[in-house]
Amino acid sequence: MKKVKIYVTLRESILDPQGSAVQGSLAKMGYGEVEDLRIGKYLELTIKDTERDIDTLVKEMCEKVLTNVVIEDYRYEVEEAN
């Protein structure tokens, strides 16, 4: 079995109002050192052993279901599941 960790973020060219709101709140709380903040998603999948190529499988899932490829970027890591 494989564990896949997927990190999804808005593309740099897309405004992140949620990140801006959190950054503003941090500044009001005395954490003015935070210059930029962007909010993303983290997904963890456990995939049973398969003959299919794991990279192809993960890319298909990300591009068809798990992300909005128009406004989001993603990256992933694959490791052996315990």
PDB file of N, CA and C in Angstrom:
ATOM      1  N   MET A   1       0.844  -1.189   0.000  1.00  0.00           N
ATOM      2  CA  MET A   1       0.000   0.000   0.000  1.00  0.00           C
ATOM      3  C   MET A   1       0.879   1.238   0.000  1.00  0.00           C
ATOM      4  N   LYS A   2       0.349   2.286  -0.574  1.00  0.00           N
ATOM      5  CA  LYS A   2       1.056   3.561  -0.649  1.00  0.00           C
ATOM      6  C   LYS A   2       0.256   4.629   0.078  1.00  0.00           C
ATOM      7  N   LYS A   3       0.975   5.561   0.698  1.00  0.00           N
ATOM      8  CA  LYS A   3       0.353   6.750   1.267  1.00  0.00           C
ATOM      9  C   LYS A   3       0.745   7.915   0.369  1.00  0.00           C
ATOM     10  N   VAL A   4      -0.245   8.665  -0.073  1.00  0.00           N
ATOM     11  CA  VAL A   4      -0.008   9.812  -0.946  1.00  0.00           C
ATOM     12  C   VAL A   4      -0.435  11.069  -0.207  1.00  0.00           C
ATOM     13  N   LYS A   5       0.488  12.020  -0.104  1.00  0.00           N
ATOM     14  CA  LYS A   5       0.207  13.312   0.511  1.00  0.00           C
ATOM     15  C   LYS A   5       0.122  14.337  -0.591  1.00  0.00           C
ATOM     16  N   ILE A   6      -1.035  15.006  -0.686  1.00  0.00           N
ATOM     17  CA  ILE A   6      -1.284  15.970  -1.761  1.00  0.00           C
ATOM     18  C   ILE A   6      -1.448  17.352  -1.147  1.00  0.00           C
ATOM     19  N   TYR A   7      -0.710  18.307  -1.683  1.00  0.00           N
ATOM     20  CA  TYR A   7      -0.760  19.702  -1.233  1.00  0.00           C
ATOM     21  C   TYR A   7      -1.355  20.537  -2.368  1.00  0.00           C
ATOM     22  N   VAL A   8      -2.451  21.235  -2.084  1.00  0.00           N
ATOM     23  CA  VAL A   8      -3.149  22.031  -3.099  1.00  0.00           C
ATOM     24  C   VAL A   8      -3.105  23.500  -2.679  1.00  0.00           C
ATOM     25  N   THR A   9      -2.688  24.362  -3.597  1.00  0.00           N
ATOM     26  CA  THR A   9      -2.653  25.806  -3.325  1.00  0.00           C
ATOM     27  C   THR A   9      -3.240  26.561  -4.504  1.00  0.00           C
ATOM     28  N   LEU A  10      -3.716  27.753  -4.219  1.00  0.00           N
ATOM     29  CA  LEU A  10      -4.163  28.619  -5.306  1.00  0.00           C
ATOM     30  C   LEU A  10      -2.953  29.023  -6.137  1.00  0.00           C
ATOM     31  N   ARG A  11      -3.150  29.167  -7.432  1.00  0.00           N
ATOM     32  CA  ARG A  11      -2.063  29.638  -8.290  1.00  0.00           C
ATOM     33  C   ARG A  11      -1.641  31.034  -7.824  1.00  0.00           C
ATOM     34  N   GLU A  12      -0.384  31.370  -8.037  1.00  0.00           N
ATOM     35  CA  GLU A  12       0.144  32.668  -7.601  1.00  0.00           C
ATOM     36  C   GLU A  12      -0.651  33.832  -8.183  1.00  0.00           C
ATOM     37  N   SER A  13      -1.194  33.667  -9.393  1.00  0.00           N
ATOM     38  CA  SER A  13      -1.914  34.762 -10.050  1.00  0.00           C
ATOM     39  C   SER A  13      -3.338  34.946  -9.514  1.00  0.00           C
ATOM     40  N   ILE A  14      -3.791  34.054  -8.646  1.00  0.00           N
ATOM     41  CA  ILE A  14      -5.150  34.113  -8.103  1.00  0.00           C
ATOM     42  C   ILE A  14      -5.113  34.771  -6.723  1.00  0.00           C
ATOM     43  N   LEU A  15      -5.969  35.746  -6.510  1.00  0.00           N
ATOM     44  CA  LEU A  15      -6.067  36.389  -5.199  1.00  0.00           C
ATOM     45  C   LEU A  15      -6.580  35.394  -4.170  1.00  0.00           C
ATOM     46  N   ASP A  16      -6.081  35.506  -2.951  1.00  0.00           N
ATOM     47  CA  ASP A  16      -6.478  34.622  -1.870  1.00  0.00           C
ATOM     48  C   ASP A  16      -7.109  35.450  -0.751  1.00  0.00           C
ATOM     49  N   PRO A  17      -8.415  35.753  -0.856  1.00  0.00           N
ATOM     50  CA  PRO A  17      -9.045  36.602   0.164  1.00  0.00           C
ATOM     51  C   PRO A  17      -9.039  35.966   1.549  1.00  0.00           C
ATOM     52  N   GLN A  18      -9.131  34.650   1.634  1.00  0.00           N
ATOM     53  CA  GLN A  18      -9.097  33.989   2.935  1.00  0.00           C
ATOM     54  C   GLN A  18      -7.717  34.163   3.579  1.00  0.00           C
ATOM     55  N   GLY A  19      -6.675  33.986   2.782  1.00  0.00           N
ATOM     56  CA  GLY A  19      -5.321  34.193   3.291  1.00  0.00           C
ATOM     57  C   GLY A  19      -5.093  35.623   3.735  1.00  0.00           C
ATOM     58  N   SER A  20      -5.609  36.585   2.955  1.00  0.00           N
ATOM     59  CA  SER A  20      -5.473  38.002   3.310  1.00  0.00           C
ATOM     60  C   SER A  20      -6.192  38.317   4.620  1.00  0.00           C
ATOM     61  N   ALA A  21      -7.370  37.718   4.812  1.00  0.00           N
ATOM     62  CA  ALA A  21      -8.126  37.945   6.043  1.00  0.00           C
ATOM     63  C   ALA A  21      -7.371  37.398   7.250  1.00  0.00           C
ATOM     64  N   VAL A  22      -6.799  36.221   7.121  1.00  0.00           N
ATOM     65  CA  VAL A  22      -6.046  35.626   8.232  1.00  0.00           C
ATOM     66  C   VAL A  22      -4.784  36.442   8.504  1.00  0.00           C
ATOM     67  N   GLN A  23      -4.127  36.888   7.449  1.00  0.00           N
ATOM     68  CA  GLN A  23      -2.928  37.713   7.621  1.00  0.00           C
ATOM     69  C   GLN A  23      -3.280  39.004   8.365  1.00  0.00           C
ATOM     70  N   GLY A  24      -4.406  39.626   7.991  1.00  0.00           N
ATOM     71  CA  GLY A  24      -4.847  40.837   8.676  1.00  0.00           C
ATOM     72  C   GLY A  24      -5.134  40.587  10.148  1.00  0.00           C
ATOM     73  N   SER A  25      -5.755  39.460  10.445  1.00  0.00           N
ATOM     74  CA  SER A  25      -6.037  39.108  11.840  1.00  0.00           C
ATOM     75  C   SER A  25      -4.749  38.903  12.624  1.00  0.00           C
ATOM     76  N   LEU A  26      -3.780  38.236  12.013  1.00  0.00           N
ATOM     77  CA  LEU A  26      -2.500  38.036  12.680  1.00  0.00           C
ATOM     78  C   LEU A  26      -1.812  39.373  12.969  1.00  0.00           C
ATOM     79  N   ALA A  27      -1.882  40.291  12.008  1.00  0.00           N
ATOM     80  CA  ALA A  27      -1.268  41.610  12.201  1.00  0.00           C
ATOM     81  C   ALA A  27      -1.918  42.342  13.379  1.00  0.00           C
ATOM     82  N   LYS A  28      -3.252  42.258  13.470  1.00  0.00           N
ATOM     83  CA  LYS A  28      -3.969  42.910  14.571  1.00  0.00           C
ATOM     84  C   LYS A  28      -3.631  42.285  15.920  1.00  0.00           C
ATOM     85  N   MET A  29      -3.221  41.019  15.894  1.00  0.00           N
ATOM     86  CA  MET A  29      -2.868  40.315  17.131  1.00  0.00           C
ATOM     87  C   MET A  29      -1.401  40.495  17.495  1.00  0.00           C
ATOM     88  N   GLY A  30      -0.685  41.316  16.712  1.00  0.00           N
ATOM     89  CA  GLY A  30       0.707  41.593  17.039  1.00  0.00           C
ATOM     90  C   GLY A  30       1.725  40.793  16.248  1.00  0.00           C
ATOM     91  N   TYR A  31       1.275  40.091  15.223  1.00  0.00           N
ATOM     92  CA  TYR A  31       2.183  39.298  14.400  1.00  0.00           C
ATOM     93  C   TYR A  31       2.381  39.961  13.040  1.00  0.00           C
ATOM     94  N   GLY A  32       2.835  41.206  13.080  1.00  0.00           N
ATOM     95  CA  GLY A  32       3.031  41.982  11.864  1.00  0.00           C
ATOM     96  C   GLY A  32       4.174  41.489  10.992  1.00  0.00           C
ATOM     97  N   GLU A  33       4.964  40.571  11.513  1.00  0.00           N
ATOM     98  CA  GLU A  33       6.081  40.022  10.744  1.00  0.00           C
ATOM     99  C   GLU A  33       5.608  39.163   9.568  1.00  0.00           C
ATOM    100  N   VAL A  34       4.370  38.692   9.631  1.00  0.00           N
ATOM    101  CA  VAL A  34       3.848  37.852   8.544  1.00  0.00           C
ATOM    102  C   VAL A  34       3.573  38.744   7.349  1.00  0.00           C
ATOM    103  N   GLU A  35       4.366  38.582   6.319  1.00  0.00           N
ATOM    104  CA  GLU A  35       4.287  39.443   5.140  1.00  0.00           C
ATOM    105  C   GLU A  35       3.243  38.953   4.140  1.00  0.00           C
ATOM    106  N   ASP A  36       3.074  37.639   4.015  1.00  0.00           N
ATOM    107  CA  ASP A  36       2.114  37.074   3.065  1.00  0.00           C
ATOM    108  C   ASP A  36       1.625  35.749   3.622  1.00  0.00           C
ATOM    109  N   LEU A  37       0.372  35.431   3.384  1.00  0.00           N
ATOM    110  CA  LEU A  37      -0.201  34.187   3.858  1.00  0.00           C
ATOM    111  C   LEU A  37      -1.171  33.679   2.812  1.00  0.00           C
ATOM    112  N   ARG A  38      -1.029  32.420   2.432  1.00  0.00           N
ATOM    113  CA  ARG A  38      -1.934  31.803   1.467  1.00  0.00           C
ATOM    114  C   ARG A  38      -2.483  30.525   2.085  1.00  0.00           C
ATOM    115  N   ILE A  39      -3.760  30.307   1.899  1.00  0.00           N
ATOM    116  CA  ILE A  39      -4.446  29.140   2.443  1.00  0.00           C
ATOM    117  C   ILE A  39      -4.508  28.054   1.363  1.00  0.00           C
ATOM    118  N   GLY A  40      -4.317  26.816   1.768  1.00  0.00           N
ATOM    119  CA  GLY A  40      -4.382  25.701   0.828  1.00  0.00           C
ATOM    120  C   GLY A  40      -5.105  24.517   1.440  1.00  0.00           C
ATOM    121  N   LYS A  41      -4.991  23.378   0.759  1.00  0.00           N
ATOM    122  CA  LYS A  41      -5.615  22.142   1.235  1.00  0.00           C
ATOM    123  C   LYS A  41      -4.547  21.052   1.314  1.00  0.00           C
ATOM    124  N   TYR A  42      -4.733  20.134   2.240  1.00  0.00           N
ATOM    125  CA  TYR A  42      -3.858  18.978   2.390  1.00  0.00           C
ATOM    126  C   TYR A  42      -4.736  17.737   2.361  1.00  0.00           C
ATOM    127  N   LEU A  43      -4.397  16.784   1.519  1.00  0.00           N
ATOM    128  CA  LEU A  43      -5.156  15.549   1.424  1.00  0.00           C
ATOM    129  C   LEU A  43      -4.203  14.377   1.609  1.00  0.00           C
ATOM    130  N   GLU A  44      -4.669  13.338   2.272  1.00  0.00           N
ATOM    131  CA  GLU A  44      -3.892  12.115   2.436  1.00  0.00           C
ATOM    132  C   GLU A  44      -4.710  10.958   1.903  1.00  0.00           C
ATOM    133  N   LEU A  45      -4.135  10.223   0.979  1.00  0.00           N
ATOM    134  CA  LEU A  45      -4.799   9.055   0.405  1.00  0.00           C
ATOM    135  C   LEU A  45      -3.989   7.816   0.747  1.00  0.00           C
ATOM    136  N   THR A  46      -4.656   6.726   1.049  1.00  0.00           N
ATOM    137  CA  THR A  46      -4.010   5.425   1.151  1.00  0.00           C
ATOM    138  C   THR A  46      -4.511   4.620  -0.033  1.00  0.00           C
ATOM    139  N   ILE A  47      -3.585   4.190  -0.855  1.00  0.00           N
ATOM    140  CA  ILE A  47      -3.945   3.492  -2.090  1.00  0.00           C
ATOM    141  C   ILE A  47      -3.439   2.058  -2.009  1.00  0.00           C
ATOM    142  N   LYS A  48      -4.338   1.123  -2.220  1.00  0.00           N
ATOM    143  CA  LYS A  48      -3.935  -0.278  -2.160  1.00  0.00           C
ATOM    144  C   LYS A  48      -3.026  -0.614  -3.342  1.00  0.00           C
ATOM    145  N   ASP A  49      -2.273  -1.679  -3.196  1.00  0.00           N
ATOM    146  CA  ASP A  49      -1.355  -2.092  -4.256  1.00  0.00           C
ATOM    147  C   ASP A  49      -2.112  -2.325  -5.554  1.00  0.00           C
ATOM    148  N   THR A  50      -1.538  -1.827  -6.631  1.00  0.00           N
ATOM    149  CA  THR A  50      -2.158  -1.916  -7.946  1.00  0.00           C
ATOM    150  C   THR A  50      -1.073  -2.043  -9.004  1.00  0.00           C
ATOM    151  N   GLU A  51      -1.450  -2.567 -10.130  1.00  0.00           N
ATOM    152  CA  GLU A  51      -0.502  -2.660 -11.238  1.00  0.00           C
ATOM    153  C   GLU A  51      -0.428  -1.334 -12.010  1.00  0.00           C
ATOM    154  N   ARG A  52      -1.386  -0.446 -11.766  1.00  0.00           N
ATOM    155  CA  ARG A  52      -1.383   0.857 -12.431  1.00  0.00           C
ATOM    156  C   ARG A  52      -0.235   1.695 -11.902  1.00  0.00           C
ATOM    157  N   ASP A  53       0.301   2.555 -12.742  1.00  0.00           N
ATOM    158  CA  ASP A  53       1.372   3.464 -12.346  1.00  0.00           C
ATOM    159  C   ASP A  53       0.826   4.463 -11.323  1.00  0.00           C
ATOM    160  N   ILE A  54       1.457   4.515 -10.156  1.00  0.00           N
ATOM    161  CA  ILE A  54       0.950   5.355  -9.062  1.00  0.00           C
ATOM    162  C   ILE A  54       0.958   6.838  -9.428  1.00  0.00           C
ATOM    163  N   ASP A  55       1.988   7.301 -10.138  1.00  0.00           N
ATOM    164  CA  ASP A  55       2.047   8.716 -10.523  1.00  0.00           C
ATOM    165  C   ASP A  55       0.917   9.072 -11.478  1.00  0.00           C
ATOM    166  N   THR A  56       0.672   8.207 -12.448  1.00  0.00           N
ATOM    167  CA  THR A  56      -0.421   8.447 -13.390  1.00  0.00           C
ATOM    168  C   THR A  56      -1.757   8.464 -12.666  1.00  0.00           C
ATOM    169  N   LEU A  57      -1.938   7.529 -11.757  1.00  0.00           N
ATOM    170  CA  LEU A  57      -3.182   7.427 -10.997  1.00  0.00           C
ATOM    171  C   LEU A  57      -3.439   8.693 -10.182  1.00  0.00           C
ATOM    172  N   VAL A  58      -2.426   9.164  -9.459  1.00  0.00           N
ATOM    173  CA  VAL A  58      -2.577  10.352  -8.613  1.00  0.00           C
ATOM    174  C   VAL A  58      -2.824  11.594  -9.475  1.00  0.00           C
ATOM    175  N   LYS A  59      -2.078  11.748 -10.559  1.00  0.00           N
ATOM    176  CA  LYS A  59      -2.276  12.912 -11.435  1.00  0.00           C
ATOM    177  C   LYS A  59      -3.686  12.928 -12.004  1.00  0.00           C
ATOM    178  N   GLU A  60      -4.194  11.771 -12.433  1.00  0.00           N
ATOM    179  CA  GLU A  60      -5.563  11.707 -12.961  1.00  0.00           C
ATOM    180  C   GLU A  60      -6.579  12.124 -11.898  1.00  0.00           C
ATOM    181  N   MET A  61      -6.422  11.607 -10.682  1.00  0.00           N
ATOM    182  CA  MET A  61      -7.368  11.952  -9.613  1.00  0.00           C
ATOM    183  C   MET A  61      -7.313  13.444  -9.295  1.00  0.00           C
ATOM    184  N   CYS A  62      -6.104  13.990  -9.234  1.00  0.00           N
ATOM    185  CA  CYS A  62      -5.966  15.415  -8.924  1.00  0.00           C
ATOM    186  C   CYS A  62      -6.589  16.277 -10.009  1.00  0.00           C
ATOM    187  N   GLU A  63      -6.323  15.946 -11.255  1.00  0.00           N
ATOM    188  CA  GLU A  63      -6.781  16.795 -12.350  1.00  0.00           C
ATOM    189  C   GLU A  63      -8.254  16.622 -12.685  1.00  0.00           C
ATOM    190  N   LYS A  64      -8.846  15.478 -12.329  1.00  0.00           N
ATOM    191  CA  LYS A  64     -10.254  15.243 -12.637  1.00  0.00           C
ATOM    192  C   LYS A  64     -11.187  15.550 -11.473  1.00  0.00           C
ATOM    193  N   VAL A  65     -10.706  15.347 -10.226  1.00  0.00           N
ATOM    194  CA  VAL A  65     -11.623  15.437  -9.085  1.00  0.00           C
ATOM    195  C   VAL A  65     -11.112  16.299  -7.942  1.00  0.00           C
ATOM    196  N   LEU A  66      -9.867  16.118  -7.545  1.00  0.00           N
ATOM    197  CA  LEU A  66      -9.394  16.678  -6.279  1.00  0.00           C
ATOM    198  C   LEU A  66      -8.991  18.144  -6.332  1.00  0.00           C
ATOM    199  N   THR A  67      -8.709  18.662  -7.524  1.00  0.00           N
ATOM    200  CA  THR A  67      -8.325  20.066  -7.637  1.00  0.00           C
ATOM    201  C   THR A  67      -9.089  20.741  -8.762  1.00  0.00           C
ATOM    202  N   ASN A  68      -9.096  22.050  -8.719  1.00  0.00           N
ATOM    203  CA  ASN A  68      -9.617  22.847  -9.824  1.00  0.00           C
ATOM    204  C   ASN A  68      -8.389  23.354 -10.582  1.00  0.00           C
ATOM    205  N   VAL A  69      -8.037  22.676 -11.667  1.00  0.00           N
ATOM    206  CA  VAL A  69      -6.776  22.969 -12.354  1.00  0.00           C
ATOM    207  C   VAL A  69      -6.735  24.364 -12.973  1.00  0.00           C
ATOM    208  N   VAL A  70      -7.868  25.023 -13.056  1.00  0.00           N
ATOM    209  CA  VAL A  70      -7.896  26.384 -13.602  1.00  0.00           C
ATOM    210  C   VAL A  70      -7.290  27.374 -12.607  1.00  0.00           C
ATOM    211  N   ILE A  71      -7.552  27.169 -11.317  1.00  0.00           N
ATOM    212  CA  ILE A  71      -7.093  28.140 -10.315  1.00  0.00           C
ATOM    213  C   ILE A  71      -6.156  27.553  -9.260  1.00  0.00           C
ATOM    214  N   GLU A  72      -5.944  26.233  -9.271  1.00  0.00           N
ATOM    215  CA  GLU A  72      -5.128  25.615  -8.231  1.00  0.00           C
ATOM    216  C   GLU A  72      -3.938  24.849  -8.816  1.00  0.00           C
ATOM    217  N   ASP A  73      -2.860  24.841  -8.067  1.00  0.00           N
ATOM    218  CA  ASP A  73      -1.699  24.003  -8.354  1.00  0.00           C
ATOM    219  C   ASP A  73      -1.659  22.904  -7.302  1.00  0.00           C
ATOM    220  N   TYR A  74      -0.987  21.818  -7.632  1.00  0.00           N
ATOM    221  CA  TYR A  74      -0.828  20.757  -6.650  1.00  0.00           C
ATOM    222  C   TYR A  74       0.546  20.112  -6.795  1.00  0.00           C
ATOM    223  N   ARG A  75       0.959  19.493  -5.707  1.00  0.00           N
ATOM    224  CA  ARG A  75       2.146  18.651  -5.707  1.00  0.00           C
ATOM    225  C   ARG A  75       1.850  17.510  -4.755  1.00  0.00           C
ATOM    226  N   TYR A  76       2.586  16.429  -4.914  1.00  0.00           N
ATOM    227  CA  TYR A  76       2.311  15.279  -4.069  1.00  0.00           C
ATOM    228  C   TYR A  76       3.577  14.499  -3.773  1.00  0.00           C
ATOM    229  N   GLU A  77       3.483  13.699  -2.710  1.00  0.00           N
ATOM    230  CA  GLU A  77       4.571  12.821  -2.290  1.00  0.00           C
ATOM    231  C   GLU A  77       3.972  11.428  -2.122  1.00  0.00           C
ATOM    232  N   VAL A  78       4.705  10.412  -2.537  1.00  0.00           N
ATOM    233  CA  VAL A  78       4.270   9.042  -2.391  1.00  0.00           C
ATOM    234  C   VAL A  78       5.265   8.330  -1.473  1.00  0.00           C
ATOM    235  N   GLU A  79       4.725   7.620  -0.489  1.00  0.00           N
ATOM    236  CA  GLU A  79       5.582   6.834   0.404  1.00  0.00           C
ATOM    237  C   GLU A  79       4.884   5.516   0.727  1.00  0.00           C
ATOM    238  N   GLU A  80       5.632   4.584   1.245  1.00  0.00           N
ATOM    239  CA  GLU A  80       5.075   3.309   1.639  1.00  0.00           C
ATOM    240  C   GLU A  80       4.200   3.529   2.872  1.00  0.00           C
ATOM    241  N   ALA A  81       3.006   2.918   2.863  1.00  0.00           N
ATOM    242  CA  ALA A  81       2.115   3.006   4.023  1.00  0.00           C
ATOM    243  C   ALA A  81       2.544   1.970   5.045  1.00  0.00           C
ATOM    244  N   ASN A  82       2.374   2.298   6.308  1.00  0.00           N
ATOM    245  CA  ASN A  82       2.743   1.360   7.378  1.00  0.00           C
ATOM    246  C   ASN A  82       1.664   0.346   7.608  1.00  0.00           C
TER     247      ASN A  82
END
